[in-house]
């Protein structure tokens, strides 16, 4: 009986001690919530745009699949994949057998033509004979130019060699092989995307767009250059293209991109994150360690930001996180 009494007494003591500790923790909690931890930004003047966002694909404005018109053995490849070349740079040479024959034929035709000119000037030959010789000379010259162009293969555009289809010593077949080299110029890129018939009237030629890709944080500005007057028969959407200057060649051919079609822009205005604005257009600022409620007028907005037309001025410290449930004159502590 005595042991049972002692056991019950110990339990009561422990419970009382526990209750006392809980009360102290509550006091500490009360002290913590006496000021609200918040994150802030300083309001400043910026530019903001409303926009529609699309998924699209990037394509180089200029590409060249280099395919000589003549078949032949590849004698020498001057360039390598990844090389940057300028227009008219020599890329490779095919076997020169046909070209050498054409040179001989042209030289003979040129000699005959010059001799015929002298005879014509003295009246020793009739006009028909001279015309026949002149035609042969012109044909020989054209044949030489044609074989030269298709033996010494030169770059048709500035760009980068991205693929070489054959190796030195192999035969190139102009009928069977798709191409010998592929050349891409990445200085100018076009972004292609599709827009629905419900939104087609919102896009105009010359309209600003902003494109970005996963491998780069930089935004790339461009303008709409083409709007198809015809909808795709399968999707019912309209193809649209924008031209982009590819700064530092950061964009890639056939790369997927996010494309923002800018609808309306306000420059030099107060811009806040959407998280700063609560219901009924309320924004809290911080003054002397306390929250101050401000009613604001909103302007342009997008997914992440909103324009403030009135109620906040540049330099105000605006609460962006920790403002939910906040009341005017609540003590706040700014954290990083």
Foldseek 3Di string as FASTA:
>chain_A
DVVVVVVVVVVVVVVVVVVVVVVVVVVVVVVVQLAFEFAWDFWFFFKDFAWDKFKWWKAFPDKDFAFFPDKAAWAFADDDAFDWDAFFAFGTFGDCPVLVVLVVQLVVLVVVLVVVVVCVVVVNDDPVVNVVSVVSNVVSVVVNVSVVCRGRPTHRHTFGWHDADDDHGDIDDSVPDPGGTMGGHLQKMKIKGWAAPVCLVQADFQFKKWKDADVDPDIWIWTWHDWDPDADPPPRTIMTMIMTGCPPSPDDHGGMIMMIGTRDMDGGFTKDWPLQADPQRWWWFDDPQWTAIWRFDWDDDYDTMTTTPDGDDGRTITTRPRPVPGDGGRGYDYDD
